[in-house]
C-alpha atoms as a PDB file:
ATOM      1  CA  UNK A   1      94.222 196.851 235.126  1.00  0.00           C
ATOM      2  CA  UNK A   2      95.671 194.083 237.235  1.00  0.00           C
ATOM      3  CA  UNK A   3      93.726 194.411 240.503  1.00  0.00           C
ATOM      4  CA  UNK A   4      92.885 191.841 243.130  1.00  0.00           C
ATOM      5  CA  UNK A   5      89.522 190.366 242.100  1.00  0.00           C
ATOM      6  CA  UNK A   6      88.550 189.906 245.751  1.00  0.00           C
ATOM      7  CA  UNK A   7      88.175 193.684 246.094  1.00  0.00           C
ATOM      8  CA  UNK A   8      85.194 193.506 243.761  1.00  0.00           C
ATOM      9  CA  UNK A   9      83.518 190.438 245.216  1.00  0.00           C
ATOM     10  CA  UNK A  10      80.037 191.986 244.928  1.00  0.00           C
ATOM     11  CA  UNK A  11      80.120 192.750 241.180  1.00  0.00           C
ATOM     12  CA  UNK A  12      80.968 190.854 238.011  1.00  0.00           C
ATOM     13  CA  UNK A  13      84.662 191.704 237.684  1.00  0.00           C
ATOM     14  CA  UNK A  14      84.829 190.789 233.988  1.00  0.00           C
ATOM     15  CA  UNK A  15      81.893 193.048 233.073  1.00  0.00           C
ATOM     16  CA  UNK A  16      82.997 196.057 235.149  1.00  0.00           C
ATOM     17  CA  UNK A  17      83.214 199.298 233.143  1.00  0.00           C
ATOM     18  CA  UNK A  18      86.445 200.810 234.523  1.00  0.00           C
ATOM     19  CA  UNK A  19      85.871 204.269 233.055  1.00  0.00           C
ATOM     20  CA  UNK A  20      82.169 204.648 233.813  1.00  0.00           C
ATOM     21  CA  UNK A  21      82.650 203.636 237.461  1.00  0.00           C
ATOM     22  CA  UNK A  22      86.096 205.183 237.966  1.00  0.00           C
ATOM     23  CA  UNK A  23      85.095 207.111 241.114  1.00  0.00           C
ATOM     24  CA  UNK A  24      83.698 203.985 242.751  1.00  0.00           C
ATOM     25  CA  UNK A  25      86.705 201.854 241.747  1.00  0.00           C
ATOM     26  CA  UNK A  26      89.188 204.386 243.127  1.00  0.00           C
ATOM     27  CA  UNK A  27      87.422 204.675 246.480  1.00  0.00           C
ATOM     28  CA  UNK A  28      87.006 200.887 246.751  1.00  0.00           C
ATOM     29  CA  UNK A  29      90.693 200.256 246.073  1.00  0.00           C
ATOM     30  CA  UNK A  30      91.850 202.866 248.594  1.00  0.00           C
ATOM     31  CA  UNK A  31      89.506 201.455 251.248  1.00  0.00           C
ATOM     32  CA  UNK A  32      90.222 197.763 250.750  1.00  0.00           C
ATOM     33  CA  UNK A  33      93.261 197.341 248.520  1.00  0.00           C
ATOM     34  CA  UNK A  34      96.911 196.894 249.291  1.00  0.00           C
ATOM     35  CA  UNK A  35      99.847 199.044 248.175  1.00  0.00           C
ATOM     36  CA  UNK A  36     100.137 197.377 244.773  1.00  0.00           C
ATOM     37  CA  UNK A  37      96.427 197.850 244.059  1.00  0.00           C
ATOM     38  CA  UNK A  38      96.729 201.555 244.900  1.00  0.00           C
ATOM     39  CA  UNK A  39      99.727 201.842 242.564  1.00  0.00           C
ATOM     40  CA  UNK A  40      97.764 200.201 239.766  1.00  0.00           C
ATOM     41  CA  UNK A  41      94.852 202.630 240.201  1.00  0.00           C
ATOM     42  CA  UNK A  42      97.202 205.628 240.220  1.00  0.00           C
ATOM     43  CA  UNK A  43      98.894 204.402 237.032  1.00  0.00           C
ATOM     44  CA  UNK A  44      95.611 203.747 235.271  1.00  0.00           C
ATOM     45  CA  UNK A  45      93.636 206.867 236.235  1.00  0.00           C
ATOM     46  CA  UNK A  46      96.410 209.331 237.088  1.00  0.00           C
ATOM     47  CA  UNK A  47      96.846 211.302 240.299  1.00  0.00           C
ATOM     48  CA  UNK A  48      94.527 214.128 239.243  1.00  0.00           C
ATOM     49  CA  UNK A  49      91.511 211.835 238.818  1.00  0.00           C
ATOM     50  CA  UNK A  50      92.358 209.852 241.957  1.00  0.00           C
ATOM     51  CA  UNK A  51      92.622 213.067 243.965  1.00  0.00           C
ATOM     52  CA  UNK A  52      89.312 214.330 242.585  1.00  0.00           C
ATOM     53  CA  UNK A  53      87.501 211.080 243.404  1.00  0.00           C
ATOM     54  CA  UNK A  54      88.849 210.871 246.949  1.00  0.00           C
ATOM     55  CA  UNK A  55      88.352 214.524 247.852  1.00  0.00           C
ATOM     56  CA  UNK A  56      84.747 214.551 246.652  1.00  0.00           C
ATOM     57  CA  UNK A  57      83.559 211.279 248.184  1.00  0.00           C
ATOM     58  CA  UNK A  58      80.994 211.502 250.981  1.00  0.00           C
ATOM     59  CA  UNK A  59      82.640 209.063 253.373  1.00  0.00           C
ATOM     60  CA  UNK A  60      86.065 207.576 254.014  1.00  0.00           C
ATOM     61  CA  UNK A  61      87.534 206.134 257.203  1.00  0.00           C
ATOM     62  CA  UNK A  62      89.981 208.520 258.880  1.00  0.00           C
ATOM     63  CA  UNK A  63      92.947 206.196 258.352  1.00  0.00           C
ATOM     64  CA  UNK A  64      92.233 206.144 254.596  1.00  0.00           C
ATOM     65  CA  UNK A  65      92.066 209.946 254.530  1.00  0.00           C
ATOM     66  CA  UNK A  66      95.501 210.073 256.191  1.00  0.00           C
ATOM     67  CA  UNK A  67      96.824 207.541 253.667  1.00  0.00           C
ATOM     68  CA  UNK A  68      95.430 209.547 250.750  1.00  0.00           C
ATOM     69  CA  UNK A  69      97.000 212.737 252.149  1.00  0.00           C
ATOM     70  CA  UNK A  70     100.380 211.044 252.320  1.00  0.00           C
ATOM     71  CA  UNK A  71     100.129 209.468 248.864  1.00  0.00           C
ATOM     72  CA  UNK A  72      98.666 212.493 247.057  1.00  0.00           C
ATOM     73  CA  UNK A  73     100.465 215.196 249.071  1.00  0.00           C
ATOM     74  CA  UNK A  74      97.458 217.294 250.074  1.00  0.00           C
ATOM     75  CA  UNK A  75      95.734 218.457 253.282  1.00  0.00           C
ATOM     76  CA  UNK A  76      93.039 216.884 255.417  1.00  0.00           C
ATOM     77  CA  UNK A  77      90.774 219.853 254.806  1.00  0.00           C
ATOM     78  CA  UNK A  78      90.786 219.119 251.067  1.00  0.00           C
ATOM     79  CA  UNK A  79      88.560 216.097 251.725  1.00  0.00           C
ATOM     80  CA  UNK A  80      84.818 216.678 251.796  1.00  0.00           C
ATOM     81  CA  UNK A  81      84.229 213.765 254.169  1.00  0.00           C
ATOM     82  CA  UNK A  82      86.766 215.158 256.659  1.00  0.00           C
ATOM     83  CA  UNK A  83      85.256 218.662 256.617  1.00  0.00           C
ATOM     84  CA  UNK A  84      81.743 217.298 257.099  1.00  0.00           C
ATOM     85  CA  UNK A  85      82.876 215.079 259.974  1.00  0.00           C
ATOM     86  CA  UNK A  86      84.433 218.094 261.683  1.00  0.00           C
ATOM     87  CA  UNK A  87      81.191 220.046 261.414  1.00  0.00           C
ATOM     88  CA  UNK A  88      79.217 217.117 262.932  1.00  0.00           C
ATOM     89  CA  UNK A  89      81.189 216.018 265.998  1.00  0.00           C
ATOM     90  CA  UNK A  90      80.401 212.707 267.679  1.00  0.00           C
ATOM     91  CA  UNK A  91      79.403 212.293 271.301  1.00  0.00           C
ATOM     92  CA  UNK A  92      82.227 211.854 273.742  1.00  0.00           C
ATOM     93  CA  UNK A  93      82.950 208.343 274.907  1.00  0.00           C
ATOM     94  CA  UNK A  94      83.381 208.273 278.674  1.00  0.00           C
END
C-alpha cells in the first residue's frame, strides 16, 4: 500500500502488519489521511471491511463520521460511536 508514512509516525512503518492491524489502519487513515490515502485503503481492504471497521469503532470525530457516510453510502445510525454519543449528550455551552 502506498500511504503517507507521516500518518504512522508512532509505529515502525516498515514492520507494520497491514492485515493484523487492518481495523486500526483504516480508522487512522480516515481520521488523519487525505483523499488519496482513503482511496488506497478502500482499494486494499475493500469497502466491506472498511465499513465494518468504521461502524464498529468506539470513537470517531463527527466530521469523519459524515465523511464515512458520504464515501460508504450509509447512515449515521450505522456507526456505534454516533449512537453512543447520542445516548450520552454533552452539557450545553452557554
